[in-house]
Amino acid sequence: MCGDSVDLLDAHYQVELDRERAPAEGEKLTRERRLLAFCDESCADAWLDETTTVADEVADANH
């Protein structure tokens, strides 16, 4: 979020995303998991706030 690089050997914040996904034809994978690293709590909070806002806007547009 802030543009700083994250050294995973130093203290950092991590967000784990885990969701079901529709597999493409011939694929067996039905889950998607991503790990995101942030340099500090404020960057993680900013990302979560931005992601929540975008998700809310998409949900509102679909209703």
Protein backbone atom coordinates (compact mmCIF):
# COMPACT_ATOMS: atom_id res chain seq x y z
CA MET A 1 0.00 0.00 0.00
CA CYS A 2 2.75 2.46 0.93
CA GLY A 3 5.25 1.31 -1.68
CA ASP A 4 7.85 0.05 0.81
CA SER A 5 9.27 -3.41 0.25
CA VAL A 6 8.58 -6.04 2.88
CA ASP A 7 11.41 -8.14 4.30
CA LEU A 8 9.69 -11.32 5.42
CA LEU A 9 12.52 -11.98 7.89
CA ASP A 10 11.55 -8.79 9.76
CA ALA A 11 8.31 -8.08 11.58
CA HIS A 12 5.41 -7.66 9.15
CA TYR A 13 1.66 -8.13 8.86
CA GLN A 14 0.13 -10.86 6.76
CA VAL A 15 -3.36 -11.26 5.33
CA GLU A 16 -4.53 -14.65 4.10
CA LEU A 17 -7.21 -14.78 1.44
CA ASP A 18 -9.02 -18.08 1.01
CA ARG A 19 -12.03 -18.52 -1.24
CA GLU A 20 -13.83 -21.09 -3.29
CA ARG A 21 -13.39 -20.82 -7.03
CA ALA A 22 -15.05 -22.40 -10.00
CA PRO A 23 -12.47 -24.67 -11.65
CA ALA A 24 -11.84 -24.41 -15.37
CA GLU A 25 -12.69 -27.46 -17.42
CA GLY A 26 -10.36 -30.31 -16.53
CA GLU A 27 -9.10 -28.65 -13.33
CA LYS A 28 -9.62 -30.08 -9.86
CA LEU A 29 -8.63 -27.01 -7.85
CA THR A 30 -11.70 -25.53 -6.17
CA ARG A 31 -9.99 -23.25 -3.61
CA GLU A 32 -7.77 -20.24 -4.10
CA ARG A 33 -5.37 -19.13 -1.37
CA ARG A 34 -3.15 -16.05 -1.39
CA LEU A 35 -0.87 -14.63 1.26
CA LEU A 36 -0.28 -10.88 1.24
CA ALA A 37 2.44 -9.19 3.29
CA PHE A 38 2.39 -5.60 4.55
CA CYS A 39 5.13 -3.62 6.26
CA ASP A 40 2.96 -2.54 9.19
CA GLU A 41 -0.53 -2.54 10.60
CA SER A 42 -1.55 0.76 8.98
CA CYS A 43 -0.75 -0.58 5.49
CA ALA A 44 -2.72 -3.76 6.16
CA ASP A 45 -5.67 -1.72 7.49
CA ALA A 46 -5.56 0.61 4.46
CA TRP A 47 -5.65 -2.37 2.09
CA LEU A 48 -8.53 -3.99 3.98
CA ASP A 49 -10.48 -0.71 4.01
CA GLU A 50 -9.93 -0.20 0.26
CA THR A 51 -10.87 -3.79 -0.54
CA THR A 52 -14.03 -3.61 1.57
CA THR A 53 -15.07 -0.33 -0.09
CA VAL A 54 -14.64 -1.78 -3.59
CA ALA A 55 -16.54 -4.95 -2.65
CA ASP A 56 -19.38 -2.87 -1.21
CA GLU A 57 -19.55 -0.75 -4.39
CA VAL A 58 -19.71 -3.88 -6.57
CA ALA A 59 -22.44 -5.39 -4.38
CA ASP A 60 -24.46 -2.15 -4.55
CA ALA A 61 -24.11 -2.01 -8.34
CA ASN A 62 -25.41 -5.58 -8.65
CA HIS A 63 -28.62 -4.82 -6.73
